[in-house]
Amino acid sequence: MTGPELLAGLRRLGFTHVVYLPDSETGRWDQDLAAAGSPRLIRPTREGEAIGIAAGLMLGGAKPLVVLQCTGLFESGDALRNVVHDLKLPLVLVVGVRGYLAFRQGQSQDTCPAFTEPILQAWRLPYHLLQPAFTRESWEQALESIVTSGKAGAVLLPE
């Protein structure tokens, strides 16, 4: 999926901000997000901070999307728990799962793909795991199903 396709989908779904820490899967969109102006790009320093920024934006009436990598998801656990379960905010995440394909094929010892889904399940956060060759349509459908649910959720991008 190209940067312009990503931006068109985000605009169609009404996202006002992208709180973004680029990784190996989502880094290809960096230049397009930076140049777009809308949705507004925010670059936090840590993933837990990204969750907090998104919560503040939601409380102020905005509709942010948080984009981070699986290791950042782990780092942001307490912020995620508080925002999703205590504040009950409809946080939408896109999570790049680095090394997913190599791990599933037994070619990697990286534990990031091993823990991503079990951690989301433990936190009771619904998610959609996209296929490795996901399309713009499947990505947008997954995001749209979270947005229309009115609840928090994640879309996982396998690398």
N, C-alpha and C. Protein backbone atom coordinates (compact mmCIF):
# COMPACT_ATOMS: atom_id res chain seq x y z
N MET A 1 0.85 -1.17 0.00
CA MET A 1 0.00 0.00 0.00
C MET A 1 0.90 1.24 0.00
N THR A 2 0.57 2.17 -0.85
CA THR A 2 1.38 3.38 -0.98
C THR A 2 0.96 4.42 0.06
N GLY A 3 1.80 5.40 0.25
CA GLY A 3 1.48 6.51 1.15
C GLY A 3 0.22 7.25 0.75
N PRO A 4 0.04 7.61 -0.54
CA PRO A 4 -1.19 8.28 -0.93
C PRO A 4 -2.44 7.44 -0.68
N GLU A 5 -2.34 6.12 -0.89
CA GLU A 5 -3.48 5.24 -0.59
C GLU A 5 -3.78 5.25 0.91
N LEU A 6 -2.73 5.18 1.71
CA LEU A 6 -2.90 5.23 3.16
C LEU A 6 -3.61 6.52 3.57
N LEU A 7 -3.13 7.64 3.06
CA LEU A 7 -3.72 8.93 3.42
C LEU A 7 -5.17 9.04 2.99
N ALA A 8 -5.48 8.55 1.81
CA ALA A 8 -6.88 8.59 1.34
C ALA A 8 -7.78 7.80 2.28
N GLY A 9 -7.31 6.63 2.72
CA GLY A 9 -8.09 5.82 3.64
C GLY A 9 -8.26 6.47 5.00
N LEU A 10 -7.20 7.07 5.51
CA LEU A 10 -7.28 7.74 6.81
C LEU A 10 -8.25 8.91 6.76
N ARG A 11 -8.20 9.65 5.67
CA ARG A 11 -9.13 10.79 5.52
C ARG A 11 -10.56 10.30 5.40
N ARG A 12 -10.77 9.24 4.61
CA ARG A 12 -12.12 8.70 4.44
C ARG A 12 -12.69 8.23 5.78
N LEU A 13 -11.85 7.66 6.63
CA LEU A 13 -12.30 7.17 7.93
C LEU A 13 -12.36 8.27 8.99
N GLY A 14 -11.96 9.48 8.64
CA GLY A 14 -12.10 10.62 9.53
C GLY A 14 -11.01 10.81 10.57
N PHE A 15 -9.85 10.18 10.38
CA PHE A 15 -8.77 10.37 11.35
C PHE A 15 -8.22 11.79 11.22
N THR A 16 -8.06 12.44 12.35
CA THR A 16 -7.57 13.82 12.38
C THR A 16 -6.07 13.90 12.63
N HIS A 17 -5.53 12.89 13.29
CA HIS A 17 -4.11 12.86 13.66
C HIS A 17 -3.56 11.44 13.50
N VAL A 18 -2.27 11.36 13.23
CA VAL A 18 -1.55 10.09 13.26
C VAL A 18 -0.41 10.27 14.25
N VAL A 19 -0.48 9.52 15.34
CA VAL A 19 0.57 9.54 16.36
C VAL A 19 1.46 8.36 16.01
N TYR A 20 2.68 8.65 15.57
CA TYR A 20 3.43 7.70 14.75
C TYR A 20 4.88 7.57 15.15
N LEU A 21 5.28 6.32 15.40
CA LEU A 21 6.69 5.97 15.55
C LEU A 21 7.00 4.99 14.44
N PRO A 22 7.68 5.42 13.38
CA PRO A 22 7.91 4.54 12.23
C PRO A 22 8.74 3.32 12.59
N ASP A 23 8.46 2.22 11.91
CA ASP A 23 9.22 0.99 12.08
C ASP A 23 9.52 0.40 10.71
N SER A 24 10.03 -0.81 10.68
CA SER A 24 10.41 -1.41 9.40
C SER A 24 9.21 -1.66 8.50
N GLU A 25 8.04 -1.89 9.05
CA GLU A 25 6.84 -2.13 8.23
C GLU A 25 6.17 -0.82 7.82
N THR A 26 6.02 0.11 8.75
CA THR A 26 5.27 1.33 8.48
C THR A 26 6.15 2.50 8.06
N GLY A 27 7.46 2.36 8.14
CA GLY A 27 8.37 3.44 7.79
C GLY A 27 8.26 3.89 6.35
N ARG A 28 7.76 3.03 5.49
CA ARG A 28 7.60 3.40 4.07
C ARG A 28 6.60 4.53 3.88
N TRP A 29 5.77 4.80 4.88
CA TRP A 29 4.76 5.86 4.78
C TRP A 29 5.24 7.18 5.37
N ASP A 30 6.43 7.20 5.93
CA ASP A 30 6.93 8.35 6.69
C ASP A 30 6.90 9.65 5.89
N GLN A 31 7.46 9.66 4.72
CA GLN A 31 7.53 10.91 3.94
C GLN A 31 6.15 11.42 3.57
N ASP A 32 5.26 10.52 3.18
CA ASP A 32 3.92 10.95 2.79
C ASP A 32 3.15 11.50 3.99
N LEU A 33 3.26 10.85 5.14
CA LEU A 33 2.59 11.36 6.35
C LEU A 33 3.14 12.73 6.74
N ALA A 34 4.46 12.87 6.65
CA ALA A 34 5.09 14.14 7.04
C ALA A 34 4.67 15.28 6.13
N ALA A 35 4.47 15.00 4.86
CA ALA A 35 4.13 16.04 3.90
C ALA A 35 2.63 16.33 3.81
N ALA A 36 1.80 15.46 4.36
CA ALA A 36 0.35 15.53 4.12
C ALA A 36 -0.34 16.73 4.75
N GLY A 37 -0.02 17.05 5.97
CA GLY A 37 -0.74 18.12 6.66
C GLY A 37 -2.04 17.66 7.27
N SER A 38 -2.74 16.75 6.60
CA SER A 38 -3.99 16.21 7.11
C SER A 38 -4.10 14.75 6.69
N PRO A 39 -4.26 13.85 7.65
CA PRO A 39 -4.30 14.08 9.08
C PRO A 39 -2.95 14.57 9.60
N ARG A 40 -3.02 15.27 10.71
CA ARG A 40 -1.81 15.88 11.28
C ARG A 40 -0.91 14.81 11.88
N LEU A 41 0.37 14.88 11.59
CA LEU A 41 1.35 13.93 12.09
C LEU A 41 1.92 14.40 13.42
N ILE A 42 1.94 13.52 14.39
CA ILE A 42 2.57 13.79 15.69
C ILE A 42 3.59 12.69 15.94
N ARG A 43 4.81 13.09 16.28
CA ARG A 43 5.89 12.12 16.52
C ARG A 43 6.27 12.11 18.00
N PRO A 44 5.75 11.17 18.75
CA PRO A 44 6.11 11.07 20.17
C PRO A 44 7.51 10.48 20.32
N THR A 45 8.04 10.54 21.53
CA THR A 45 9.37 9.99 21.77
C THR A 45 9.33 8.52 22.18
N ARG A 46 8.21 8.08 22.76
CA ARG A 46 8.05 6.69 23.20
C ARG A 46 6.62 6.25 22.93
N GLU A 47 6.42 4.95 22.91
CA GLU A 47 5.10 4.41 22.60
C GLU A 47 4.08 4.68 23.70
N GLY A 48 4.51 4.60 24.97
CA GLY A 48 3.59 4.95 26.06
C GLY A 48 3.13 6.39 25.94
N GLU A 49 4.03 7.25 25.51
CA GLU A 49 3.68 8.65 25.28
C GLU A 49 2.68 8.76 24.12
N ALA A 50 2.84 7.93 23.10
CA ALA A 50 1.92 7.95 21.96
C ALA A 50 0.49 7.65 22.42
N ILE A 51 0.34 6.69 23.30
CA ILE A 51 -0.99 6.34 23.82
C ILE A 51 -1.56 7.52 24.60
N GLY A 52 -0.74 8.14 25.44
CA GLY A 52 -1.19 9.29 26.22
C GLY A 52 -1.58 10.48 25.35
N ILE A 53 -0.80 10.73 24.32
CA ILE A 53 -1.12 11.82 23.39
C ILE A 53 -2.45 11.53 22.70
N ALA A 54 -2.62 10.29 22.23
CA ALA A 54 -3.87 9.93 21.56
C ALA A 54 -5.06 10.07 22.51
N ALA A 55 -4.89 9.70 23.77
CA ALA A 55 -5.98 9.84 24.74
C ALA A 55 -6.35 11.31 24.92
N GLY A 56 -5.36 12.16 25.05
CA GLY A 56 -5.63 13.59 25.18
C GLY A 56 -6.34 14.15 23.97
N LEU A 57 -5.91 13.71 22.78
CA LEU A 57 -6.58 14.15 21.56
C LEU A 57 -8.05 13.70 21.54
N MET A 58 -8.29 12.45 21.93
CA MET A 58 -9.67 11.95 21.95
C MET A 58 -10.52 12.71 22.95
N LEU A 59 -9.96 12.98 24.12
CA LEU A 59 -10.71 13.74 25.13
C LEU A 59 -11.03 15.14 24.64
N GLY A 60 -10.19 15.66 23.74
CA GLY A 60 -10.43 16.98 23.16
C GLY A 60 -11.29 16.96 21.90
N GLY A 61 -11.80 15.79 21.52
CA GLY A 61 -12.70 15.69 20.38
C GLY A 61 -12.07 15.27 19.07
N ALA A 62 -10.78 14.99 19.06
CA ALA A 62 -10.11 14.55 17.84
C ALA A 62 -10.24 13.04 17.66
N LYS A 63 -9.80 12.57 16.50
CA LYS A 63 -9.87 11.14 16.18
C LYS A 63 -8.49 10.68 15.70
N PRO A 64 -7.62 10.32 16.66
CA PRO A 64 -6.26 9.93 16.29
C PRO A 64 -6.13 8.44 15.97
N LEU A 65 -5.09 8.13 15.22
CA LEU A 65 -4.65 6.77 14.97
C LEU A 65 -3.24 6.66 15.51
N VAL A 66 -2.96 5.60 16.28
CA VAL A 66 -1.61 5.38 16.79
C VAL A 66 -0.97 4.28 15.96
N VAL A 67 0.24 4.55 15.44
CA VAL A 67 0.98 3.59 14.63
C VAL A 67 2.31 3.34 15.32
N LEU A 68 2.57 2.06 15.65
CA LEU A 68 3.80 1.68 16.35
C LEU A 68 4.18 0.24 16.02
N GLN A 69 5.30 -0.19 16.53
CA GLN A 69 5.77 -1.56 16.31
C GLN A 69 5.42 -2.41 17.52
N CYS A 70 5.47 -3.73 17.35
CA CYS A 70 5.07 -4.66 18.41
C CYS A 70 5.87 -4.43 19.70
N THR A 71 7.15 -4.16 19.63
CA THR A 71 7.92 -3.92 20.85
C THR A 71 7.42 -2.66 21.55
N GLY A 72 7.00 -1.68 20.78
CA GLY A 72 6.42 -0.47 21.36
C GLY A 72 5.08 -0.73 22.00
N LEU A 73 4.33 -1.66 21.44
CA LEU A 73 3.07 -2.08 22.06
C LEU A 73 3.35 -2.62 23.45
N PHE A 74 4.38 -3.44 23.58
CA PHE A 74 4.72 -4.00 24.89
C PHE A 74 5.08 -2.88 25.87
N GLU A 75 5.89 -1.93 25.39
CA GLU A 75 6.34 -0.82 26.24
C GLU A 75 5.18 0.04 26.72
N SER A 76 4.12 0.11 25.95
CA SER A 76 3.02 1.03 26.26
C SER A 76 1.92 0.39 27.10
N GLY A 77 2.16 -0.78 27.64
CA GLY A 77 1.12 -1.55 28.31
C GLY A 77 0.29 -0.82 29.35
N ASP A 78 0.90 -0.15 30.29
CA ASP A 78 0.12 0.49 31.34
C ASP A 78 -0.72 1.64 30.79
N ALA A 79 -0.15 2.41 29.87
CA ALA A 79 -0.92 3.49 29.25
C ALA A 79 -2.10 2.92 28.48
N LEU A 80 -1.86 1.85 27.75
CA LEU A 80 -2.92 1.21 26.98
C LEU A 80 -4.02 0.69 27.90
N ARG A 81 -3.65 0.03 28.97
CA ARG A 81 -4.62 -0.48 29.94
C ARG A 81 -5.48 0.65 30.48
N ASN A 82 -4.85 1.73 30.85
CA ASN A 82 -5.58 2.85 31.43
C ASN A 82 -6.54 3.49 30.42
N VAL A 83 -6.07 3.73 29.22
CA VAL A 83 -6.87 4.41 28.20
C VAL A 83 -8.04 3.53 27.75
N VAL A 84 -7.77 2.25 27.51
CA VAL A 84 -8.80 1.36 26.96
C VAL A 84 -9.77 0.87 28.03
N HIS A 85 -9.26 0.46 29.19
CA HIS A 85 -10.12 -0.18 30.18
C HIS A 85 -10.61 0.76 31.28
N ASP A 86 -9.81 1.71 31.68
CA ASP A 86 -10.27 2.64 32.72
C ASP A 86 -11.05 3.81 32.11
N LEU A 87 -10.47 4.44 31.10
CA LEU A 87 -11.13 5.58 30.47
C LEU A 87 -12.14 5.14 29.39
N LYS A 88 -12.01 3.90 28.93
CA LYS A 88 -12.90 3.34 27.90
C LYS A 88 -12.93 4.18 26.61
N LEU A 89 -11.76 4.65 26.21
CA LEU A 89 -11.65 5.44 24.98
C LEU A 89 -11.46 4.50 23.78
N PRO A 90 -12.02 4.84 22.64
CA PRO A 90 -11.94 3.99 21.45
C PRO A 90 -10.62 4.13 20.69
N LEU A 91 -9.54 3.80 21.35
CA LEU A 91 -8.20 3.91 20.78
C LEU A 91 -8.04 2.96 19.61
N VAL A 92 -7.53 3.47 18.50
CA VAL A 92 -7.28 2.64 17.31
C VAL A 92 -5.77 2.59 17.09
N LEU A 93 -5.25 1.37 17.01
CA LEU A 93 -3.82 1.13 16.83
C LEU A 93 -3.56 0.41 15.52
N VAL A 94 -2.43 0.73 14.91
CA VAL A 94 -1.87 -0.07 13.83
C VAL A 94 -0.51 -0.52 14.35
N VAL A 95 -0.30 -1.83 14.38
CA VAL A 95 0.92 -2.39 14.97
C VAL A 95 1.69 -3.17 13.92
N GLY A 96 2.90 -2.74 13.63
CA GLY A 96 3.79 -3.50 12.76
C GLY A 96 4.38 -4.65 13.55
N VAL A 97 4.19 -5.87 13.07
CA VAL A 97 4.72 -7.05 13.77
C VAL A 97 5.98 -7.50 13.05
N ARG A 98 7.10 -7.00 13.52
CA ARG A 98 8.36 -7.26 12.85
C ARG A 98 8.72 -8.75 12.94
N GLY A 99 9.26 -9.25 11.88
CA GLY A 99 9.74 -10.63 11.85
C GLY A 99 8.64 -11.69 11.87
N TYR A 100 7.41 -11.29 11.64
CA TYR A 100 6.28 -12.22 11.74
C TYR A 100 6.44 -13.42 10.80
N LEU A 101 6.73 -13.14 9.54
CA LEU A 101 6.83 -14.23 8.56
C LEU A 101 7.98 -15.17 8.87
N ALA A 102 9.15 -14.63 9.18
CA ALA A 102 10.31 -15.46 9.51
C ALA A 102 10.03 -16.29 10.76
N PHE A 103 9.37 -15.71 11.75
CA PHE A 103 9.06 -16.43 12.97
C PHE A 103 8.11 -17.60 12.68
N ARG A 104 7.06 -17.35 11.90
CA ARG A 104 6.08 -18.39 11.58
C ARG A 104 6.71 -19.52 10.77
N GLN A 105 7.77 -19.22 10.04
CA GLN A 105 8.46 -20.24 9.24
C GLN A 105 9.61 -20.89 10.00
N GLY A 106 9.75 -20.55 11.28
CA GLY A 106 10.81 -21.12 12.10
C GLY A 106 12.19 -20.60 11.77
N GLN A 107 12.26 -19.44 11.13
CA GLN A 107 13.54 -18.88 10.71
C GLN A 107 14.00 -17.71 11.56
N SER A 108 13.33 -17.47 12.68
CA SER A 108 13.70 -16.37 13.55
C SER A 108 13.40 -16.72 15.00
N GLN A 109 14.26 -16.28 15.87
CA GLN A 109 14.06 -16.46 17.31
C GLN A 109 13.49 -15.21 17.96
N ASP A 110 13.21 -14.19 17.15
CA ASP A 110 12.64 -12.94 17.66
C ASP A 110 11.32 -13.25 18.36
N THR A 111 11.19 -12.83 19.60
CA THR A 111 9.97 -13.13 20.36
C THR A 111 8.85 -12.12 20.15
N CYS A 112 9.12 -11.05 19.45
CA CYS A 112 8.09 -10.04 19.21
C CYS A 112 6.83 -10.65 18.59
N PRO A 113 6.95 -11.43 17.50
CA PRO A 113 5.73 -12.01 16.93
C PRO A 113 5.10 -13.08 17.83
N ALA A 114 5.90 -13.71 18.68
CA ALA A 114 5.35 -14.73 19.57
C ALA A 114 4.46 -14.12 20.64
N PHE A 115 4.77 -12.92 21.09
CA PHE A 115 4.04 -12.32 22.21
C PHE A 115 2.95 -11.33 21.80
N THR A 116 2.96 -10.83 20.57
CA THR A 116 2.02 -9.78 20.19
C THR A 116 0.57 -10.19 20.38
N GLU A 117 0.16 -11.27 19.76
CA GLU A 117 -1.24 -11.67 19.88
C GLU A 117 -1.63 -12.09 21.31
N PRO A 118 -0.83 -12.89 22.00
CA PRO A 118 -1.20 -13.23 23.38
C PRO A 118 -1.32 -12.01 24.30
N ILE A 119 -0.48 -11.01 24.09
CA ILE A 119 -0.58 -9.80 24.92
C ILE A 119 -1.86 -9.04 24.60
N LEU A 120 -2.19 -8.90 23.33
CA LEU A 120 -3.45 -8.24 22.98
C LEU A 120 -4.64 -9.01 23.55
N GLN A 121 -4.58 -10.33 23.52
CA GLN A 121 -5.65 -11.14 24.09
C GLN A 121 -5.73 -10.94 25.61
N ALA A 122 -4.59 -10.90 26.27
CA ALA A 122 -4.57 -10.69 27.72
C ALA A 122 -5.15 -9.32 28.08
N TRP A 123 -4.89 -8.33 27.26
CA TRP A 123 -5.42 -6.98 27.50
C TRP A 123 -6.85 -6.82 26.98
N ARG A 124 -7.40 -7.92 26.44
CA ARG A 124 -8.78 -7.93 25.90
C ARG A 124 -8.98 -6.83 24.86
N LEU A 125 -7.99 -6.70 24.00
CA LEU A 125 -8.05 -5.71 22.93
C LEU A 125 -8.29 -6.45 21.62
N PRO A 126 -9.47 -6.28 21.01
CA PRO A 126 -9.73 -6.95 19.72
C PRO A 126 -8.73 -6.49 18.66
N TYR A 127 -8.42 -7.41 17.76
CA TYR A 127 -7.47 -7.07 16.70
C TYR A 127 -7.78 -7.84 15.43
N HIS A 128 -7.25 -7.30 14.34
CA HIS A 128 -7.31 -7.94 13.02
C HIS A 128 -5.88 -8.17 12.58
N LEU A 129 -5.53 -9.43 12.31
CA LEU A 129 -4.22 -9.75 11.76
C LEU A 129 -4.36 -9.82 10.24
N LEU A 130 -3.73 -8.89 9.55
CA LEU A 130 -3.80 -8.88 8.09
C LEU A 130 -2.86 -9.93 7.51
N GLN A 131 -3.15 -10.33 6.31
CA GLN A 131 -2.28 -11.26 5.59
C GLN A 131 -1.02 -10.52 5.16
N PRO A 132 0.10 -11.24 4.99
CA PRO A 132 1.34 -10.56 4.62
C PRO A 132 1.23 -9.69 3.37
N ALA A 133 0.51 -10.11 2.37
CA ALA A 133 0.35 -9.29 1.16
C ALA A 133 -0.98 -8.55 1.22
N PHE A 134 -1.21 -7.86 2.33
CA PHE A 134 -2.50 -7.19 2.50
C PHE A 134 -2.69 -6.09 1.45
N THR A 135 -3.95 -5.84 1.17
CA THR A 135 -4.30 -4.82 0.19
C THR A 135 -4.80 -3.57 0.92
N ARG A 136 -4.90 -2.50 0.18
CA ARG A 136 -5.46 -1.27 0.73
C ARG A 136 -6.88 -1.54 1.22
N GLU A 137 -7.63 -2.31 0.46
CA GLU A 137 -9.02 -2.61 0.82
C GLU A 137 -9.10 -3.39 2.13
N SER A 138 -8.27 -4.42 2.28
CA SER A 138 -8.33 -5.23 3.51
C SER A 138 -7.89 -4.40 4.72
N TRP A 139 -6.90 -3.53 4.52
CA TRP A 139 -6.43 -2.67 5.60
C TRP A 139 -7.53 -1.70 6.02
N GLU A 140 -8.16 -1.07 5.03
CA GLU A 140 -9.23 -0.12 5.35
C GLU A 140 -10.43 -0.82 5.98
N GLN A 141 -10.77 -2.01 5.52
CA GLN A 141 -11.89 -2.74 6.12
C GLN A 141 -11.62 -3.07 7.58
N ALA A 142 -10.40 -3.48 7.88
CA ALA A 142 -10.04 -3.80 9.26
C ALA A 142 -10.13 -2.55 10.13
N LEU A 143 -9.58 -1.44 9.65
CA LEU A 143 -9.66 -0.18 10.41
C LEU A 143 -11.11 0.27 10.57
N GLU A 144 -11.88 0.19 9.50
CA GLU A 144 -13.26 0.63 9.55
C GLU A 144 -14.08 -0.18 10.54
N SER A 145 -13.81 -1.48 10.63
CA SER A 145 -14.57 -2.30 11.58
C SER A 145 -14.29 -1.89 13.02
N ILE A 146 -13.07 -1.46 13.30
CA ILE A 146 -12.75 -0.97 14.64
C ILE A 146 -13.44 0.37 14.87
N VAL A 147 -13.30 1.27 13.92
CA VAL A 147 -13.88 2.61 14.05
C VAL A 147 -15.39 2.52 14.26
N THR A 148 -16.08 1.72 13.46
CA THR A 148 -17.53 1.65 13.57
C THR A 148 -18.00 0.92 14.82
N SER A 149 -17.12 0.12 15.43
CA SER A 149 -17.49 -0.56 16.68
C SER A 149 -17.62 0.42 17.84
N GLY A 150 -16.93 1.56 17.72
CA GLY A 150 -16.93 2.54 18.80
C GLY A 150 -16.08 2.11 19.99
N LYS A 151 -15.29 1.05 19.81
CA LYS A 151 -14.43 0.54 20.88
C LYS A 151 -12.99 0.50 20.39
N ALA A 152 -12.08 0.27 21.31
CA ALA A 152 -10.67 0.19 20.98
C ALA A 152 -10.38 -1.09 20.21
N GLY A 153 -9.32 -1.05 19.41
CA GLY A 153 -8.89 -2.22 18.68
C GLY A 153 -7.60 -1.96 17.94
N ALA A 154 -7.06 -3.02 17.36
CA ALA A 154 -5.77 -2.92 16.66
C ALA A 154 -5.82 -3.65 15.34
N VAL A 155 -5.03 -3.16 14.41
CA VAL A 155 -4.77 -3.83 13.15
C VAL A 155 -3.30 -4.22 13.17
N LEU A 156 -3.01 -5.49 12.97
CA LEU A 156 -1.64 -5.99 12.97
C LEU A 156 -1.14 -6.15 11.55
N LEU A 157 0.02 -5.56 11.27
CA LEU A 157 0.64 -5.64 9.95
C LEU A 157 1.83 -6.59 10.05
N PRO A 158 1.71 -7.79 9.49
CA PRO A 158 2.84 -8.73 9.54
C PRO A 158 3.96 -8.31 8.62
N GLU A 159 5.18 -8.48 9.08
CA GLU A 159 6.34 -8.14 8.26
C GLU A 159 6.99 -9.42 7.83
